[in-house]
Amino acid sequence: MKIIPLHEGPSLKDIPAQLRALADSIEAGTHGQVDTLFTLMPRDGDFPIMHGWGDVTGLNDPIIQLNLALHWHCRTLVSRTP
């Protein structure tokens, strides 16, 4: 029997290490050309904080990207295939 790891890299609870690993993978070209990046940080009892880097205009406008992400999440939750 072979053990298959479910996750490689830093602990998912170690946010700074996860962000460093993401930056490393972007620099290595793992995700292809990355021109835009957004982060969303929930806050207890308040609106989340969002940061955007790179080109956040046109189709990369935050409202468009956040709605596409919402659509993907909702579709994935109710569908067997993403």
N, C-alpha and C. Protein backbone atom coordinates (compact mmCIF):
# COMPACT_ATOMS: atom_id res chain seq x y z
N MET A 1 0.84 -1.16 0.00
CA MET A 1 0.00 0.00 0.00
C MET A 1 0.90 1.24 0.00
N LYS A 2 0.53 2.26 -0.80
CA LYS A 2 1.31 3.48 -0.90
C LYS A 2 0.55 4.63 -0.24
N ILE A 3 1.26 5.40 0.57
CA ILE A 3 0.65 6.56 1.22
C ILE A 3 0.82 7.76 0.29
N ILE A 4 -0.28 8.41 -0.01
CA ILE A 4 -0.26 9.57 -0.88
C ILE A 4 -0.51 10.81 -0.04
N PRO A 5 0.45 11.74 -0.01
CA PRO A 5 0.24 12.96 0.80
C PRO A 5 -0.87 13.82 0.20
N LEU A 6 -1.71 14.35 1.06
CA LEU A 6 -2.80 15.22 0.60
C LEU A 6 -2.32 16.65 0.39
N HIS A 7 -1.26 17.02 1.10
CA HIS A 7 -0.76 18.39 1.01
C HIS A 7 0.74 18.40 1.20
N GLU A 8 1.43 19.12 0.34
CA GLU A 8 2.86 19.29 0.50
C GLU A 8 3.13 20.76 0.78
N GLY A 9 4.14 21.03 1.57
CA GLY A 9 4.49 22.41 1.87
C GLY A 9 4.13 22.79 3.29
N PRO A 10 4.13 24.09 3.55
CA PRO A 10 3.85 24.55 4.92
C PRO A 10 2.43 24.22 5.35
N SER A 11 2.23 24.21 6.66
CA SER A 11 0.92 23.98 7.23
C SER A 11 -0.09 24.97 6.65
N LEU A 12 -1.30 24.51 6.40
CA LEU A 12 -2.33 25.40 5.87
C LEU A 12 -2.72 26.47 6.88
N LYS A 13 -2.39 26.25 8.15
CA LYS A 13 -2.68 27.27 9.17
C LYS A 13 -1.59 28.33 9.27
N ASP A 14 -0.45 28.11 8.63
CA ASP A 14 0.68 29.05 8.65
C ASP A 14 0.55 29.98 7.46
N ILE A 15 -0.25 31.03 7.62
CA ILE A 15 -0.57 31.93 6.51
C ILE A 15 0.67 32.60 5.92
N PRO A 16 1.57 33.19 6.73
CA PRO A 16 2.77 33.79 6.13
C PRO A 16 3.60 32.79 5.31
N ALA A 17 3.76 31.57 5.81
CA ALA A 17 4.52 30.57 5.05
C ALA A 17 3.79 30.19 3.77
N GLN A 18 2.45 30.10 3.82
CA GLN A 18 1.68 29.81 2.61
C GLN A 18 1.84 30.93 1.58
N LEU A 19 1.82 32.19 2.04
CA LEU A 19 2.01 33.32 1.12
C LEU A 19 3.40 33.31 0.51
N ARG A 20 4.42 32.98 1.31
CA ARG A 20 5.78 32.88 0.77
C ARG A 20 5.86 31.77 -0.28
N ALA A 21 5.22 30.63 0.02
CA ALA A 21 5.23 29.52 -0.94
C ALA A 21 4.49 29.92 -2.23
N LEU A 22 3.39 30.65 -2.10
CA LEU A 22 2.67 31.12 -3.28
C LEU A 22 3.56 32.06 -4.10
N ALA A 23 4.24 33.00 -3.42
CA ALA A 23 5.13 33.93 -4.13
C ALA A 23 6.24 33.15 -4.84
N ASP A 24 6.79 32.15 -4.19
CA ASP A 24 7.84 31.33 -4.81
C ASP A 24 7.31 30.62 -6.05
N SER A 25 6.09 30.08 -5.96
CA SER A 25 5.53 29.36 -7.10
C SER A 25 5.18 30.31 -8.24
N ILE A 26 4.77 31.54 -7.92
CA ILE A 26 4.51 32.53 -8.97
C ILE A 26 5.82 32.88 -9.67
N GLU A 27 6.88 33.13 -8.88
CA GLU A 27 8.19 33.45 -9.47
C GLU A 27 8.73 32.30 -10.30
N ALA A 28 8.43 31.07 -9.91
CA ALA A 28 8.91 29.89 -10.64
C ALA A 28 8.10 29.64 -11.91
N GLY A 29 6.99 30.36 -12.09
CA GLY A 29 6.17 30.19 -13.28
C GLY A 29 5.18 29.05 -13.19
N THR A 30 4.96 28.51 -11.98
CA THR A 30 4.05 27.39 -11.79
C THR A 30 2.63 27.71 -12.25
N HIS A 31 2.22 28.96 -12.10
CA HIS A 31 0.85 29.37 -12.44
C HIS A 31 0.79 30.11 -13.76
N GLY A 32 1.83 30.01 -14.57
CA GLY A 32 1.88 30.75 -15.81
C GLY A 32 2.14 32.23 -15.53
N GLN A 33 1.81 33.08 -16.48
CA GLN A 33 2.01 34.52 -16.31
C GLN A 33 0.94 35.06 -15.37
N VAL A 34 1.35 35.63 -14.25
CA VAL A 34 0.42 36.19 -13.27
C VAL A 34 0.52 37.71 -13.35
N ASP A 35 -0.54 38.35 -13.83
CA ASP A 35 -0.56 39.81 -13.97
C ASP A 35 -1.37 40.48 -12.87
N THR A 36 -2.21 39.70 -12.17
CA THR A 36 -3.09 40.24 -11.15
C THR A 36 -3.20 39.24 -10.01
N LEU A 37 -3.29 39.76 -8.79
CA LEU A 37 -3.50 38.89 -7.64
C LEU A 37 -4.35 39.62 -6.62
N PHE A 38 -5.34 38.93 -6.07
CA PHE A 38 -6.20 39.48 -5.02
C PHE A 38 -6.09 38.62 -3.78
N THR A 39 -6.18 39.25 -2.62
CA THR A 39 -6.32 38.51 -1.37
C THR A 39 -7.56 39.03 -0.67
N LEU A 40 -8.20 38.17 0.08
CA LEU A 40 -9.41 38.52 0.81
C LEU A 40 -9.24 38.03 2.24
N MET A 41 -9.28 38.96 3.20
CA MET A 41 -9.11 38.61 4.61
C MET A 41 -10.40 38.88 5.36
N PRO A 42 -11.08 37.83 5.83
CA PRO A 42 -12.27 38.03 6.65
C PRO A 42 -11.91 38.72 7.96
N ARG A 43 -12.86 39.49 8.49
CA ARG A 43 -12.68 40.14 9.80
C ARG A 43 -13.95 39.91 10.60
N ASP A 44 -13.78 39.52 11.87
CA ASP A 44 -14.94 39.27 12.74
C ASP A 44 -15.79 40.53 12.86
N GLY A 45 -17.08 40.39 12.55
CA GLY A 45 -18.03 41.48 12.74
C GLY A 45 -17.83 42.67 11.83
N ASP A 46 -17.09 42.51 10.74
CA ASP A 46 -16.82 43.64 9.85
C ASP A 46 -16.68 43.12 8.42
N PHE A 47 -16.59 44.03 7.47
CA PHE A 47 -16.38 43.65 6.09
C PHE A 47 -14.96 43.11 5.92
N PRO A 48 -14.76 42.22 4.96
CA PRO A 48 -13.40 41.72 4.72
C PRO A 48 -12.52 42.81 4.12
N ILE A 49 -11.22 42.61 4.26
CA ILE A 49 -10.24 43.48 3.62
C ILE A 49 -9.76 42.79 2.36
N MET A 50 -9.73 43.51 1.25
CA MET A 50 -9.23 42.94 0.00
C MET A 50 -8.06 43.76 -0.47
N HIS A 51 -7.02 43.07 -0.93
CA HIS A 51 -5.87 43.72 -1.54
C HIS A 51 -5.79 43.24 -2.98
N GLY A 52 -5.39 44.13 -3.86
CA GLY A 52 -5.20 43.77 -5.26
C GLY A 52 -3.85 44.27 -5.73
N TRP A 53 -3.11 43.41 -6.43
CA TRP A 53 -1.81 43.80 -6.97
C TRP A 53 -1.80 43.57 -8.46
N GLY A 54 -1.01 44.36 -9.16
CA GLY A 54 -0.87 44.21 -10.61
C GLY A 54 -1.97 44.96 -11.34
N ASP A 55 -2.34 44.43 -12.49
CA ASP A 55 -3.36 45.05 -13.34
C ASP A 55 -4.75 44.73 -12.80
N VAL A 56 -5.40 45.72 -12.22
CA VAL A 56 -6.75 45.53 -11.67
C VAL A 56 -7.77 46.35 -12.47
N THR A 57 -7.55 46.43 -13.79
CA THR A 57 -8.45 47.18 -14.66
C THR A 57 -9.11 46.22 -15.65
N GLY A 58 -10.14 46.71 -16.35
CA GLY A 58 -10.81 45.91 -17.38
C GLY A 58 -11.38 44.63 -16.79
N LEU A 59 -11.09 43.49 -17.44
CA LEU A 59 -11.60 42.21 -16.97
C LEU A 59 -10.99 41.80 -15.63
N ASN A 60 -9.88 42.43 -15.24
CA ASN A 60 -9.26 42.14 -13.95
C ASN A 60 -9.81 43.02 -12.83
N ASP A 61 -10.82 43.82 -13.12
CA ASP A 61 -11.44 44.67 -12.10
C ASP A 61 -11.93 43.78 -10.96
N PRO A 62 -11.70 44.21 -9.71
CA PRO A 62 -12.09 43.37 -8.57
C PRO A 62 -13.54 42.92 -8.58
N ILE A 63 -14.48 43.78 -8.97
CA ILE A 63 -15.89 43.38 -8.94
C ILE A 63 -16.16 42.24 -9.92
N ILE A 64 -15.50 42.27 -11.07
CA ILE A 64 -15.67 41.19 -12.04
C ILE A 64 -15.05 39.91 -11.51
N GLN A 65 -13.82 39.99 -11.03
CA GLN A 65 -13.13 38.80 -10.54
C GLN A 65 -13.80 38.18 -9.32
N LEU A 66 -14.28 39.04 -8.40
CA LEU A 66 -14.96 38.51 -7.22
C LEU A 66 -16.28 37.83 -7.59
N ASN A 67 -16.99 38.37 -8.56
CA ASN A 67 -18.23 37.72 -9.00
C ASN A 67 -17.96 36.42 -9.74
N LEU A 68 -16.90 36.37 -10.53
CA LEU A 68 -16.51 35.10 -11.16
C LEU A 68 -16.14 34.07 -10.11
N ALA A 69 -15.40 34.50 -9.08
CA ALA A 69 -15.02 33.58 -8.00
C ALA A 69 -16.25 33.08 -7.26
N LEU A 70 -17.19 33.98 -6.96
CA LEU A 70 -18.43 33.59 -6.28
C LEU A 70 -19.19 32.57 -7.12
N HIS A 71 -19.31 32.83 -8.41
CA HIS A 71 -20.00 31.91 -9.31
C HIS A 71 -19.32 30.53 -9.28
N TRP A 72 -17.98 30.51 -9.39
CA TRP A 72 -17.26 29.25 -9.37
C TRP A 72 -17.49 28.49 -8.06
N HIS A 73 -17.43 29.21 -6.93
CA HIS A 73 -17.62 28.55 -5.63
C HIS A 73 -19.04 27.99 -5.51
N CYS A 74 -20.04 28.75 -5.89
CA CYS A 74 -21.43 28.27 -5.80
C CYS A 74 -21.65 27.07 -6.71
N ARG A 75 -21.13 27.15 -7.92
CA ARG A 75 -21.29 26.05 -8.88
C ARG A 75 -20.59 24.79 -8.37
N THR A 76 -19.41 24.96 -7.80
CA THR A 76 -18.65 23.82 -7.29
C THR A 76 -19.34 23.18 -6.08
N LEU A 77 -19.99 24.00 -5.26
CA LEU A 77 -20.68 23.46 -4.09
C LEU A 77 -21.87 22.59 -4.45
N VAL A 78 -22.55 22.90 -5.55
CA VAL A 78 -23.78 22.19 -5.89
C VAL A 78 -23.59 21.18 -7.03
N SER A 79 -22.41 21.11 -7.57
CA SER A 79 -22.16 20.24 -8.73
C SER A 79 -21.13 19.16 -8.37
N ARG A 80 -21.27 18.03 -9.01
CA ARG A 80 -20.27 16.98 -8.81
C ARG A 80 -19.03 17.26 -9.64
N THR A 81 -19.15 18.02 -10.72
CA THR A 81 -18.01 18.36 -11.56
C THR A 81 -17.88 19.87 -11.63
N PRO A 82 -16.68 20.40 -11.36
CA PRO A 82 -16.48 21.86 -11.41
C PRO A 82 -16.56 22.43 -12.80
